[in-house]
N, C-alpha and C. Protein backbone atom coordinates (compact mmCIF):
# COMPACT_ATOMS: atom_id res chain seq x y z
N UNK A 1 0.84 -1.17 0.00
CA UNK A 1 0.00 0.00 0.00
C UNK A 1 0.89 1.23 0.00
N UNK A 2 0.52 2.21 -0.77
CA UNK A 2 1.30 3.44 -0.90
C UNK A 2 0.81 4.49 0.08
N UNK A 3 1.73 5.35 0.52
CA UNK A 3 1.35 6.46 1.37
C UNK A 3 0.91 7.67 0.57
N UNK A 4 0.94 7.56 -0.76
CA UNK A 4 0.52 8.67 -1.62
C UNK A 4 -0.99 8.64 -1.76
N UNK A 5 -1.62 9.77 -1.44
CA UNK A 5 -3.08 9.83 -1.53
C UNK A 5 -3.49 11.24 -1.90
N UNK A 6 -4.75 11.35 -2.36
CA UNK A 6 -5.37 12.65 -2.62
C UNK A 6 -6.67 12.67 -1.85
N UNK A 7 -7.26 13.84 -1.70
CA UNK A 7 -8.54 13.89 -0.98
C UNK A 7 -9.67 13.39 -1.87
N UNK A 8 -10.87 13.35 -1.30
CA UNK A 8 -12.04 12.80 -2.00
C UNK A 8 -12.39 13.48 -3.30
N UNK A 9 -11.87 14.68 -3.55
CA UNK A 9 -12.13 15.33 -4.82
C UNK A 9 -11.56 14.54 -5.99
N UNK A 10 -10.62 13.66 -5.70
CA UNK A 10 -10.06 12.80 -6.73
C UNK A 10 -11.07 11.81 -7.30
N UNK A 11 -12.20 11.65 -6.63
CA UNK A 11 -13.26 10.74 -7.09
C UNK A 11 -14.26 11.42 -8.02
N UNK A 12 -14.20 12.73 -8.14
CA UNK A 12 -15.23 13.48 -8.85
C UNK A 12 -15.51 12.95 -10.25
N UNK A 13 -14.49 12.78 -11.05
CA UNK A 13 -14.69 12.31 -12.42
C UNK A 13 -15.27 10.91 -12.49
N UNK A 14 -14.71 10.00 -11.71
CA UNK A 14 -15.18 8.62 -11.72
C UNK A 14 -16.62 8.51 -11.25
N UNK A 15 -16.99 9.24 -10.19
CA UNK A 15 -18.36 9.18 -9.69
C UNK A 15 -19.34 9.86 -10.65
N UNK A 16 -18.92 10.93 -11.30
CA UNK A 16 -19.79 11.60 -12.27
C UNK A 16 -20.14 10.64 -13.40
N UNK A 17 -19.15 9.85 -13.83
CA UNK A 17 -19.41 8.87 -14.89
C UNK A 17 -20.40 7.81 -14.43
N UNK A 18 -20.27 7.33 -13.19
CA UNK A 18 -21.15 6.28 -12.69
C UNK A 18 -22.58 6.75 -12.53
N UNK A 19 -22.77 7.92 -11.93
CA UNK A 19 -24.12 8.37 -11.65
C UNK A 19 -24.78 9.08 -12.82
N UNK A 20 -24.14 9.05 -13.98
CA UNK A 20 -24.75 9.59 -15.19
C UNK A 20 -25.51 8.49 -15.94
N UNK A 21 -25.57 7.30 -15.35
CA UNK A 21 -26.26 6.17 -15.97
C UNK A 21 -27.54 5.86 -15.20
N UNK A 22 -28.38 5.05 -15.80
CA UNK A 22 -29.64 4.63 -15.16
C UNK A 22 -29.33 3.63 -14.06
N UNK A 23 -29.43 4.05 -12.82
CA UNK A 23 -29.09 3.21 -11.66
C UNK A 23 -30.10 2.07 -11.48
N UNK A 24 -31.32 2.18 -12.02
CA UNK A 24 -32.31 1.12 -11.83
C UNK A 24 -31.87 -0.19 -12.49
N UNK A 25 -30.95 -0.13 -13.45
CA UNK A 25 -30.45 -1.36 -14.08
C UNK A 25 -29.26 -1.94 -13.33
N UNK A 26 -28.72 -1.19 -12.37
CA UNK A 26 -27.59 -1.69 -11.58
C UNK A 26 -28.05 -2.87 -10.73
N UNK A 27 -27.14 -3.81 -10.50
CA UNK A 27 -27.44 -4.98 -9.68
C UNK A 27 -26.83 -4.75 -8.30
N UNK A 28 -27.66 -4.89 -7.29
CA UNK A 28 -27.21 -4.70 -5.92
C UNK A 28 -27.26 -6.01 -5.14
N UNK A 29 -26.46 -6.09 -4.10
CA UNK A 29 -26.42 -7.25 -3.21
C UNK A 29 -26.89 -6.82 -1.83
N UNK A 30 -27.93 -7.45 -1.32
CA UNK A 30 -28.49 -7.12 -0.02
C UNK A 30 -27.55 -7.54 1.10
N UNK A 31 -27.33 -6.64 2.04
CA UNK A 31 -26.50 -6.92 3.21
C UNK A 31 -27.14 -8.02 4.07
N UNK A 32 -28.46 -7.99 4.18
CA UNK A 32 -29.16 -8.91 5.08
C UNK A 32 -29.20 -10.36 4.63
N UNK A 33 -29.55 -10.59 3.36
CA UNK A 33 -29.76 -11.97 2.93
C UNK A 33 -28.92 -12.39 1.73
N UNK A 34 -28.21 -11.44 1.12
CA UNK A 34 -27.36 -11.78 -0.01
C UNK A 34 -28.07 -11.83 -1.35
N UNK A 35 -29.36 -11.52 -1.38
CA UNK A 35 -30.08 -11.50 -2.64
C UNK A 35 -29.42 -10.51 -3.59
N UNK A 36 -29.23 -10.94 -4.84
CA UNK A 36 -28.64 -10.08 -5.87
C UNK A 36 -29.71 -9.82 -6.92
N UNK A 37 -29.91 -8.56 -7.26
CA UNK A 37 -30.90 -8.24 -8.28
C UNK A 37 -30.82 -6.78 -8.66
N UNK A 38 -31.55 -6.42 -9.72
CA UNK A 38 -31.53 -5.04 -10.17
C UNK A 38 -32.23 -4.12 -9.17
N UNK A 39 -31.79 -2.88 -9.12
CA UNK A 39 -32.43 -1.89 -8.27
C UNK A 39 -33.92 -1.80 -8.62
N UNK A 40 -34.25 -1.97 -9.89
CA UNK A 40 -35.64 -1.91 -10.33
C UNK A 40 -36.50 -3.01 -9.70
N UNK A 41 -35.89 -4.06 -9.19
CA UNK A 41 -36.63 -5.14 -8.55
C UNK A 41 -36.92 -4.92 -7.07
N UNK A 42 -36.40 -3.83 -6.52
CA UNK A 42 -36.62 -3.53 -5.10
C UNK A 42 -38.07 -3.11 -4.87
N UNK A 43 -38.53 -3.27 -3.65
CA UNK A 43 -39.86 -2.78 -3.25
C UNK A 43 -39.66 -1.36 -2.73
N UNK A 44 -40.25 -0.39 -3.41
CA UNK A 44 -40.03 1.02 -3.09
C UNK A 44 -41.25 1.61 -2.40
N UNK A 45 -41.01 2.24 -1.28
CA UNK A 45 -42.06 2.87 -0.50
C UNK A 45 -41.86 4.39 -0.57
N UNK A 46 -42.91 5.09 -1.01
CA UNK A 46 -42.79 6.53 -1.25
C UNK A 46 -43.58 7.37 -0.26
N UNK A 47 -44.33 6.75 0.63
CA UNK A 47 -45.15 7.51 1.59
C UNK A 47 -44.36 7.78 2.86
N UNK A 48 -43.31 8.55 2.71
CA UNK A 48 -42.43 8.93 3.82
C UNK A 48 -41.79 10.26 3.44
N UNK A 49 -41.00 10.81 4.30
CA UNK A 49 -40.30 12.04 3.93
C UNK A 49 -39.39 11.84 2.72
N UNK A 50 -39.02 10.64 2.44
CA UNK A 50 -38.18 10.32 1.28
C UNK A 50 -38.66 9.03 0.66
N UNK A 51 -37.76 8.32 0.02
CA UNK A 51 -38.08 7.04 -0.59
C UNK A 51 -37.25 5.96 0.11
N UNK A 52 -37.86 4.82 0.35
CA UNK A 52 -37.17 3.69 0.97
C UNK A 52 -37.28 2.50 0.03
N UNK A 53 -36.15 1.89 -0.31
CA UNK A 53 -36.14 0.69 -1.16
C UNK A 53 -35.80 -0.50 -0.28
N UNK A 54 -36.66 -1.53 -0.36
CA UNK A 54 -36.47 -2.73 0.46
C UNK A 54 -36.19 -3.94 -0.43
N UNK A 55 -35.45 -4.87 0.12
CA UNK A 55 -35.08 -6.10 -0.56
C UNK A 55 -36.32 -6.96 -0.81
N UNK A 56 -36.50 -7.46 -2.04
CA UNK A 56 -37.65 -8.33 -2.29
C UNK A 56 -37.51 -9.71 -1.63
N UNK A 57 -36.29 -10.06 -1.22
CA UNK A 57 -36.05 -11.36 -0.58
C UNK A 57 -36.35 -11.36 0.89
N UNK A 58 -35.79 -10.38 1.64
CA UNK A 58 -35.94 -10.41 3.10
C UNK A 58 -36.67 -9.18 3.66
N UNK A 59 -36.91 -8.18 2.83
CA UNK A 59 -37.60 -6.98 3.30
C UNK A 59 -36.69 -5.97 3.98
N UNK A 60 -35.40 -6.26 4.05
CA UNK A 60 -34.46 -5.32 4.67
C UNK A 60 -34.32 -4.05 3.85
N UNK A 61 -33.97 -2.96 4.51
CA UNK A 61 -33.80 -1.69 3.81
C UNK A 61 -32.51 -1.73 3.01
N UNK A 62 -32.63 -1.49 1.69
CA UNK A 62 -31.46 -1.42 0.83
C UNK A 62 -30.90 0.00 0.80
N UNK A 63 -31.79 0.95 0.55
CA UNK A 63 -31.34 2.34 0.58
C UNK A 63 -32.47 3.29 0.86
N UNK A 64 -32.08 4.49 1.26
CA UNK A 64 -33.03 5.58 1.52
C UNK A 64 -32.56 6.79 0.72
N UNK A 65 -33.51 7.52 0.17
CA UNK A 65 -33.19 8.75 -0.57
C UNK A 65 -34.13 9.84 -0.10
N UNK A 66 -33.56 10.92 0.37
CA UNK A 66 -34.35 12.08 0.82
C UNK A 66 -33.87 13.29 0.04
N UNK A 67 -34.82 14.05 -0.51
CA UNK A 67 -34.48 15.26 -1.27
C UNK A 67 -34.87 16.48 -0.48
N UNK A 68 -34.03 17.49 -0.55
CA UNK A 68 -34.32 18.80 -0.01
C UNK A 68 -34.36 19.79 -1.16
N UNK A 69 -34.59 21.06 -0.87
CA UNK A 69 -34.67 22.05 -1.94
C UNK A 69 -33.39 22.15 -2.78
N UNK A 70 -32.24 21.97 -2.16
CA UNK A 70 -31.00 22.15 -2.90
C UNK A 70 -29.99 21.03 -2.68
N UNK A 71 -30.46 19.87 -2.19
CA UNK A 71 -29.54 18.75 -1.95
C UNK A 71 -30.32 17.45 -1.80
N UNK A 72 -29.58 16.35 -1.77
CA UNK A 72 -30.18 15.03 -1.57
C UNK A 72 -29.27 14.23 -0.65
N UNK A 73 -29.87 13.31 0.10
CA UNK A 73 -29.14 12.40 0.97
C UNK A 73 -29.44 10.98 0.50
N UNK A 74 -28.39 10.21 0.23
CA UNK A 74 -28.53 8.84 -0.23
C UNK A 74 -27.81 7.93 0.75
N UNK A 75 -28.56 7.04 1.39
CA UNK A 75 -28.02 6.09 2.37
C UNK A 75 -28.07 4.71 1.73
N UNK A 76 -26.91 4.13 1.46
CA UNK A 76 -26.82 2.82 0.80
C UNK A 76 -26.33 1.72 1.74
N UNK A 77 -26.49 1.90 3.04
CA UNK A 77 -25.89 0.94 3.96
C UNK A 77 -26.49 -0.47 3.87
N UNK A 78 -27.62 -0.66 3.22
CA UNK A 78 -28.21 -1.98 3.09
C UNK A 78 -27.75 -2.74 1.85
N UNK A 79 -26.83 -2.16 1.09
CA UNK A 79 -26.32 -2.78 -0.12
C UNK A 79 -24.82 -2.98 0.03
N UNK A 80 -24.34 -4.20 -0.16
CA UNK A 80 -22.90 -4.42 -0.04
C UNK A 80 -22.15 -3.85 -1.23
N UNK A 81 -22.77 -3.89 -2.40
CA UNK A 81 -22.15 -3.30 -3.58
C UNK A 81 -23.21 -3.09 -4.65
N UNK A 82 -22.91 -2.22 -5.59
CA UNK A 82 -23.74 -2.01 -6.77
C UNK A 82 -22.89 -2.29 -8.00
N UNK A 83 -23.36 -3.16 -8.88
CA UNK A 83 -22.68 -3.43 -10.13
C UNK A 83 -23.36 -2.58 -11.19
N UNK A 84 -22.63 -1.60 -11.72
CA UNK A 84 -23.20 -0.63 -12.64
C UNK A 84 -22.57 -0.79 -14.00
N UNK A 85 -23.38 -1.00 -15.03
CA UNK A 85 -22.86 -1.07 -16.39
C UNK A 85 -22.58 0.34 -16.89
N UNK A 86 -21.41 0.54 -17.43
CA UNK A 86 -21.03 1.83 -17.98
C UNK A 86 -20.56 1.66 -19.42
N UNK A 87 -20.77 2.69 -20.23
CA UNK A 87 -20.32 2.59 -21.62
C UNK A 87 -18.80 2.43 -21.67
N UNK A 88 -18.34 1.73 -22.69
CA UNK A 88 -16.90 1.54 -22.90
C UNK A 88 -16.26 2.91 -23.14
N UNK A 89 -15.22 3.21 -22.40
CA UNK A 89 -14.58 4.52 -22.53
C UNK A 89 -13.55 4.57 -23.66
N UNK A 90 -13.38 3.45 -24.33
CA UNK A 90 -12.34 3.40 -25.39
C UNK A 90 -12.87 3.65 -26.71
């Protein structure tokens, strides 16, 4: 491991590329039960201050999204990873 590092601004380009795609086609893995499936397959509840997506396998919370007038909060702690297809950069 190298001691050379940059701050989180070094992620700006890579994250901009990822979140410029349709996330509903991304495949997520549930922390609770290990179910793997597209975000579009989650059970989404909208009657709250934000949106809550639950696992279709175990009902655990996958993520929460809350919007404010000039910002958004995205909590992904119920997903171990998201596999996102991105266009070939070459």
